[in-house]
Protein backbone atom coordinates (compact mmCIF):
# COMPACT_ATOMS: atom_id res chain seq x y z
CA MET A 1 -21.41 29.98 -16.15
CA GLN A 2 -19.29 29.23 -13.10
CA ILE A 3 -18.42 25.71 -11.97
CA ASN A 4 -16.42 25.22 -8.84
CA TYR A 5 -15.09 21.98 -7.37
CA LEU A 6 -12.43 20.59 -5.01
CA LEU A 7 -11.81 17.06 -6.21
CA PRO A 8 -9.74 15.45 -7.66
CA THR A 9 -7.94 18.88 -7.80
CA PRO A 10 -9.58 22.30 -7.28
CA GLY A 11 -11.16 24.05 -10.17
CA ASN A 12 -12.89 27.44 -10.67
CA TRP A 13 -13.91 27.50 -14.13
CA SER A 14 -15.57 30.38 -16.19
CA ILE A 15 -17.38 28.90 -19.15
CA PHE A 16 -18.83 30.95 -21.93
CA ILE A 17 -21.77 29.31 -23.99
CA ASN A 18 -23.44 30.58 -27.28
CA ALA A 19 -26.96 30.91 -26.18
CA TYR A 20 -28.38 29.93 -29.78
CA THR A 21 -26.14 26.96 -30.51
CA GLY A 22 -25.09 25.64 -27.07
CA GLU A 23 -21.51 25.64 -28.19
CA ILE A 24 -18.93 26.45 -25.66
CA VAL A 25 -16.94 29.41 -27.17
CA ASN A 26 -14.51 30.04 -24.21
CA LYS A 27 -13.47 28.70 -21.02
CA TYR A 28 -10.72 29.12 -18.54
CA ASN A 29 -9.76 27.99 -15.02
CA LYS A 30 -9.24 30.81 -12.48
CA PHE A 31 -7.81 28.56 -9.94
CA ALA A 32 -3.93 28.33 -10.50
CA ASN A 33 -2.88 24.80 -9.88
CA VAL A 34 0.33 23.48 -11.21
CA ALA A 35 2.80 20.72 -10.37
CA ALA A 36 5.76 21.66 -8.15
CA ILE A 37 8.77 20.04 -6.49
CA GLY A 38 9.45 20.10 -2.82
CA SER A 39 11.20 18.19 -0.20
CA GLY A 40 10.80 17.14 3.58
CA LYS A 41 12.30 14.94 6.23
CA GLY A 42 10.80 11.61 7.02
CA VAL A 43 10.09 9.80 10.21
CA LEU A 44 13.61 8.46 10.27
CA GLY A 45 15.20 11.77 9.46
CA ASP A 46 16.10 11.17 5.88
CA THR A 47 15.31 14.02 3.20
CA LYS A 48 12.86 13.05 0.47
CA THR A 49 12.05 14.76 -2.71
CA LEU A 50 8.22 15.33 -2.96
CA ASN A 51 5.85 16.05 -5.91
CA LEU A 52 3.52 18.74 -4.85
CA ASP A 53 1.07 21.11 -6.51
CA LYS A 54 1.40 24.99 -6.33
CA VAL A 55 -1.90 26.76 -5.77
CA THR A 56 -2.25 30.38 -6.19
CA THR A 57 -5.34 32.28 -5.14
CA THR A 58 -6.02 35.96 -3.85
CA LYS A 59 -5.02 34.81 -0.56
CA GLY A 60 -1.35 33.86 -1.59
CA THR A 61 0.66 30.66 -2.72
CA SER A 62 0.54 27.42 -1.05
CA TYR A 63 2.21 24.04 -1.88
CA ARG A 64 0.20 20.99 -1.10
CA LEU A 65 0.72 17.26 -0.85
CA ASN A 66 -0.88 16.72 -4.16
CA ASP A 67 0.99 14.56 -6.56
CA LEU A 68 -0.20 15.35 -10.25
CA THR A 69 2.59 13.65 -12.03
CA ARG A 70 1.38 10.04 -12.24
CA GLY A 71 -1.67 8.27 -13.71
CA ALA A 72 -3.48 8.64 -10.43
CA VAL A 73 -3.51 11.72 -8.11
CA ILE A 74 -1.72 11.03 -4.81
CA SER A 75 -3.00 13.14 -1.92
CA THR A 76 -1.92 13.21 1.81
CA TYR A 77 -3.99 14.68 4.49
CA THR A 78 -3.96 15.06 8.23
CA SER A 79 -6.84 13.85 10.55
CA ASN A 80 -5.54 16.24 13.12
CA TYR A 81 -5.44 13.59 15.84
CA GLY A 82 -8.99 12.74 15.39
CA THR A 83 -10.78 10.12 13.17
CA ARG A 84 -12.27 12.03 10.42
CA THR A 85 -10.98 11.09 7.02
CA PRO A 86 -9.62 12.14 4.70
CA GLY A 87 -9.18 15.36 6.86
CA THR A 88 -7.25 18.35 5.78
CA LEU A 89 -4.90 18.46 2.86
CA ILE A 90 -1.50 19.09 4.02
CA SER A 91 -0.04 22.30 2.77
CA SER A 92 2.87 24.64 3.25
CA THR A 93 3.61 28.25 2.34
CA THR A 94 7.11 27.14 1.08
CA THR A 95 8.36 23.96 -0.83
CA THR A 96 9.42 22.50 2.36
CA ILE A 97 6.94 20.12 4.26
CA ASN A 98 7.68 20.02 7.86
CA ASP A 99 5.59 16.85 8.79
CA PRO A 100 7.70 13.75 8.82
CA ALA A 101 4.66 11.36 8.87
CA ALA A 102 3.25 13.20 6.06
CA VAL A 103 6.39 13.22 4.01
CA ASP A 104 6.74 9.52 4.16
CA ALA A 105 3.11 8.73 3.57
CA HIS A 106 3.20 10.78 0.37
CA TYR A 107 6.57 9.69 -0.90
CA TYR A 108 6.04 5.91 -0.28
CA ALA A 109 2.61 5.95 -1.82
CA GLY A 110 4.33 7.25 -4.94
CA VAL A 111 6.95 4.45 -4.73
CA VAL A 112 4.15 1.68 -4.47
CA TYR A 113 2.31 3.24 -7.30
CA ASP A 114 5.41 3.12 -9.45
CA TYR A 115 6.09 -0.67 -8.47
CA TYR A 116 2.69 -1.71 -9.47
CA LYS A 117 2.98 0.35 -12.79
CA ALA A 118 6.39 -0.82 -13.67
CA LYS A 119 5.88 -4.48 -12.84
CA PHE A 120 2.33 -5.05 -13.80
CA ASN A 121 1.30 -2.06 -15.84
CA ARG A 122 -1.43 -1.42 -13.09
CA ASN A 123 -2.62 2.10 -12.92
CA SER A 124 -3.32 2.62 -9.16
CA ILE A 125 -5.18 0.51 -6.69
CA ASN A 126 -8.16 -0.34 -8.79
CA GLY A 127 -6.08 -0.53 -12.17
CA ALA A 128 -8.02 2.60 -13.57
CA GLY A 129 -6.35 5.47 -12.00
CA LEU A 130 -8.18 5.56 -8.56
CA ALA A 131 -6.91 8.59 -6.59
CA ILE A 132 -4.63 7.47 -3.63
CA LYS A 133 -5.48 9.10 -0.33
CA SER A 134 -3.68 8.85 2.85
CA SER A 135 -4.46 10.37 6.07
CA VAL A 136 -1.75 10.66 8.82
CA HIS A 137 -2.00 11.75 12.47
CA TYR A 138 -4.96 9.41 12.78
CA SER A 139 -6.26 9.60 16.46
CA ARG A 140 -3.82 9.87 19.31
CA ASN A 141 -1.09 7.31 20.25
CA TYR A 142 -2.50 4.97 17.46
CA VAL A 143 -0.31 2.00 17.03
CA ASN A 144 -1.93 0.91 13.67
CA ALA A 145 -2.25 1.54 9.93
CA GLY A 146 -5.12 0.53 7.69
CA TRP A 147 -7.08 0.45 4.46
CA THR A 148 -10.41 1.72 5.08
CA GLY A 149 -12.07 0.55 1.85
CA THR A 150 -11.32 4.01 0.17
CA GLN A 151 -8.02 5.17 1.49
CA MET A 152 -5.13 4.62 3.94
CA ILE A 153 -4.85 5.77 7.50
CA TYR A 154 -1.74 5.96 9.58
CA GLY A 155 -1.45 6.34 13.26
CA ASP A 156 1.62 8.20 14.91
CA GLY A 157 2.27 5.29 17.37
CA ASP A 158 2.93 5.76 20.94
CA GLY A 159 6.69 6.16 20.88
CA VAL A 160 7.21 2.74 22.66
CA ASN A 161 5.42 0.06 20.59
CA SER A 162 6.01 2.11 17.26
CA VAL A 163 6.74 5.46 15.84
CA ALA A 164 4.55 6.88 12.91
CA LEU A 165 3.53 3.86 10.89
CA SER A 166 3.99 5.88 7.63
CA GLY A 167 7.57 5.68 8.11
CA GLY A 168 7.83 2.16 6.90
CA LEU A 169 7.70 1.56 3.17
CA ASP A 170 6.74 -2.10 3.64
CA VAL A 171 3.80 -1.01 5.78
CA ILE A 172 2.57 1.48 3.25
CA ALA A 173 2.92 -1.31 0.33
CA HIS A 174 1.05 -3.71 2.71
CA GLU A 175 -1.92 -1.41 3.20
CA ILE A 176 -2.12 -0.31 -0.52
CA THR A 177 -2.16 -4.01 -1.52
CA HIS A 178 -5.25 -4.43 0.78
CA GLY A 179 -6.75 -2.09 -1.56
CA VAL A 180 -5.55 -4.00 -4.62
CA ASP A 181 -7.08 -7.22 -3.22
CA GLN A 182 -10.23 -5.43 -2.68
CA TYR A 183 -10.55 -4.76 -6.40
CA GLU A 184 -9.37 -8.14 -7.46
CA ALA A 185 -9.90 -11.30 -5.26
CA ASP A 186 -11.49 -9.39 -2.58
CA LEU A 187 -10.50 -12.17 -0.13
CA VAL A 188 -12.97 -12.46 2.86
CA TYR A 189 -11.22 -10.94 5.98
CA GLN A 190 -11.89 -13.99 8.26
CA ASN A 191 -10.22 -17.49 9.00
CA GLN A 192 -8.02 -18.77 6.25
CA SER A 193 -9.08 -16.39 3.49
CA GLY A 194 -8.56 -13.57 5.91
CA ALA A 195 -4.96 -14.84 6.69
CA LEU A 196 -4.22 -15.24 3.19
CA ASN A 197 -5.37 -11.41 2.71
CA GLU A 198 -2.79 -10.39 5.18
CA SER A 199 -0.03 -12.69 3.73
CA MET A 200 -0.60 -11.26 0.20
CA SER A 201 -0.10 -7.78 1.67
CA ASP A 202 3.03 -8.88 3.51
CA ALA A 203 4.33 -10.48 0.38
CA PHE A 204 4.03 -7.46 -1.66
CA GLY A 205 5.34 -5.31 1.32
CA VAL A 206 8.49 -7.44 0.85
CA PHE A 207 8.54 -7.14 -2.88
CA VAL A 208 8.18 -3.47 -2.93
CA GLU A 209 10.97 -3.09 -0.58
CA TYR A 210 13.17 -5.12 -2.86
CA TYR A 211 12.13 -3.00 -5.82
CA ALA A 212 12.84 0.36 -4.04
CA GLN A 213 15.23 -0.29 -1.22
CA ASN A 214 17.32 -3.40 -2.62
CA SER A 215 20.32 -2.46 -0.43
CA LYS A 216 18.31 -2.84 2.89
CA PHE A 217 16.08 -5.70 1.55
CA ASP A 218 14.96 -8.14 4.32
CA TRP A 219 12.05 -10.42 5.16
CA LEU A 220 10.93 -8.34 8.10
CA MET A 221 7.73 -6.37 8.23
CA GLY A 222 7.53 -2.98 10.04
CA GLU A 223 11.18 -3.09 11.14
CA ASP A 224 11.66 0.62 10.32
CA ILE A 225 8.94 1.81 12.74
CA TRP A 226 8.51 -1.00 15.28
CA THR A 227 9.49 -0.59 18.96
CA PRO A 228 12.05 2.15 18.35
CA LYS A 229 14.01 1.39 21.67
CA VAL A 230 14.45 -2.32 20.83
CA ALA A 231 17.10 -2.95 18.18
CA ASN A 232 16.43 -5.35 15.25
CA ASP A 233 12.75 -5.79 16.06
CA ALA A 234 9.76 -6.10 13.71
CA LEU A 235 6.22 -6.88 13.56
CA ARG A 236 6.60 -10.00 11.71
CA ASP A 237 9.34 -12.23 10.10
CA ILE A 238 8.17 -13.87 6.96
CA SER A 239 11.22 -16.05 6.80
CA ASP A 240 10.66 -17.35 10.37
CA PRO A 241 7.04 -16.46 11.52
CA THR A 242 7.60 -18.35 14.85
CA LYS A 243 10.09 -15.60 15.79
CA TYR A 244 7.28 -13.46 16.76
CA GLY A 245 4.86 -16.10 17.92
CA ASP A 246 3.06 -16.98 14.61
CA PRO A 247 2.71 -20.47 13.18
CA ALA A 248 4.87 -21.66 10.26
CA HIS A 249 3.02 -24.99 9.71
CA MET A 250 -0.68 -26.30 9.72
CA ASN A 251 0.27 -28.47 12.61
CA ASN A 252 0.20 -25.15 14.70
CA TYR A 253 -2.78 -23.39 13.02
CA VAL A 254 -4.46 -21.35 15.66
CA ASN A 255 -8.17 -21.83 15.80
CA THR A 256 -9.55 -18.71 17.48
CA THR A 257 -12.44 -16.32 17.28
CA GLN A 258 -10.07 -13.30 18.03
CA ASP A 259 -8.73 -11.10 15.17
CA ASN A 260 -11.29 -12.40 12.68
CA GLY A 261 -10.16 -16.14 13.25
CA GLY A 262 -6.60 -15.09 13.57
CA VAL A 263 -5.83 -13.41 10.31
CA HIS A 264 -2.68 -11.79 11.64
CA THR A 265 -1.49 -14.83 13.27
CA ASN A 266 -2.11 -17.67 10.88
CA SER A 267 -0.71 -15.51 8.07
CA GLY A 268 2.52 -16.93 9.10
CA ILE A 269 1.84 -20.15 7.39
CA PRO A 270 1.30 -18.75 3.71
CA ASN A 271 4.09 -16.21 4.64
CA LYS A 272 6.55 -19.06 5.23
CA ALA A 273 5.43 -20.67 1.83
CA CYS A 274 6.11 -17.28 0.20
CA TYR A 275 9.48 -17.11 1.79
CA LEU A 276 10.42 -20.65 0.65
CA ILE A 277 9.10 -19.98 -3.01
CA THR A 278 10.97 -16.73 -3.34
CA SER A 279 14.17 -18.01 -1.86
CA ASN A 280 13.99 -20.68 -4.47
CA ILE A 281 13.17 -18.90 -7.56
CA GLY A 282 13.90 -15.15 -6.74
CA VAL A 283 11.76 -12.19 -6.14
CA GLU A 284 11.20 -11.20 -9.88
CA LYS A 285 9.57 -14.51 -10.76
CA ALA A 286 7.72 -14.85 -7.45
CA GLU A 287 6.20 -11.54 -7.57
CA GLN A 288 4.84 -12.24 -11.00
CA ILE A 289 3.36 -15.44 -9.87
CA TYR A 290 1.76 -13.91 -6.78
CA TYR A 291 0.21 -11.09 -8.82
CA ARG A 292 -1.28 -13.33 -11.40
CA ALA A 293 -2.67 -15.64 -8.95
CA LEU A 294 -4.24 -12.70 -6.95
CA THR A 295 -5.59 -11.13 -10.04
CA GLN A 296 -6.64 -13.98 -12.27
CA TYR A 297 -7.41 -17.06 -10.01
CA MET A 298 -8.09 -16.18 -6.15
CA THR A 299 -11.63 -15.56 -5.30
CA ALA A 300 -13.20 -14.16 -1.88
CA SER A 301 -13.23 -17.67 -0.43
CA THR A 302 -9.76 -18.90 -1.39
CA ASN A 303 -8.36 -20.88 1.53
CA PHE A 304 -4.66 -22.08 1.95
CA SER A 305 -5.05 -25.10 -0.31
CA ALA A 306 -6.76 -23.20 -2.99
CA ALA A 307 -4.07 -20.69 -2.70
CA ARG A 308 -1.63 -23.32 -3.36
CA ALA A 309 -3.51 -24.34 -6.62
CA CYS A 310 -3.93 -20.73 -7.61
CA LEU A 311 -0.27 -19.98 -7.26
CA ALA A 312 0.68 -23.14 -9.12
CA GLN A 313 -1.58 -22.35 -11.85
CA ALA A 314 -0.09 -18.88 -12.19
CA ALA A 315 3.38 -20.42 -12.22
CA THR A 316 2.23 -22.71 -15.06
CA ASP A 317 0.77 -19.94 -17.10
CA LEU A 318 3.95 -17.87 -16.80
CA TYR A 319 6.79 -20.60 -16.79
CA GLY A 320 5.24 -23.91 -18.09
CA ALA A 321 3.83 -27.07 -16.69
CA GLY A 322 6.44 -29.04 -14.81
CA SER A 323 8.68 -26.05 -14.55
CA ALA A 324 10.99 -25.34 -11.49
CA GLU A 325 8.79 -22.52 -10.61
CA VAL A 326 5.71 -24.72 -10.39
CA THR A 327 7.67 -27.32 -8.38
CA ALA A 328 8.81 -24.49 -6.02
CA VAL A 329 5.20 -23.56 -5.30
CA HIS A 330 4.26 -27.08 -4.59
CA ASN A 331 7.31 -27.87 -2.49
CA ALA A 332 6.82 -24.87 -0.41
CA PHE A 333 3.22 -25.46 0.55
CA SER A 334 4.01 -29.04 1.28
CA SER A 335 6.69 -27.87 3.49
CA VAL A 336 4.18 -25.81 5.57
CA GLY A 337 1.51 -28.68 5.66
CA VAL A 338 -0.78 -27.29 3.09
CA ASN A 339 -2.00 -29.92 0.47
């Protein structure tokens, strides 16, 4: 009997079964597929070591952006400047990958996986080993990145507003965290719950950057990929949302029908609270509080006030009622006008 498949990794099995007993007496995979190490330069020109797989067929050997070394397969594809996903799995005839956007998407997805595993013992986006798929070169001059509900997509930017968005670790952590949220609170992407959804992704974008790039840690989102011709620019500043026109207090909450009720704008309010909490108690404690709140207490309809209660309860669970950590949560939300 022959069984052939492509996902999660290709297989071409010959299986021999005893016709009388139904017992499998022998089996082997004719598709040679093994882990390999490669490298490539990222969007900013830095060289990264990559986990690949090596595939040998009758047509020769290729090295693909398939990471088989973790608890979830991490695969990186190209949409070939169209909008089909996942697209074509990126490969090379050598261990060098000459696609900067793909190099960063692949490498940083591994970093984010490692963060969630190391900090919370979470195995991938769904906590159960879900394959992590990214598609680069999505559309043309696409100045955006996203979680589609099943995978990440990354545009190449237009060279003015941004370069390839996969070049930012915090961007990739942000998008993967949207996936984590989908399998946990599943915050409705509209109005306050939607702004909280965005804020949680921003928070973990910062936390992951602290974990992996401590020497260049900051409170900016997307600073590595945004407006390449403008120095020290970013998409958002979590420490000072008003710097990029976002509110930092409920007095300035934007009531609008645009952007699903201003989810990317009003996220500035819980972002500012996150900054105040973290500045008070440190990243290591803040990330534990935020993760516990997201996975144990927040629900689809959680608004800013409920988020305060969820975070305070998470802090109570971890550090005790009346602790400095609980006080930090309450003080931060009071400072941004959320009761």
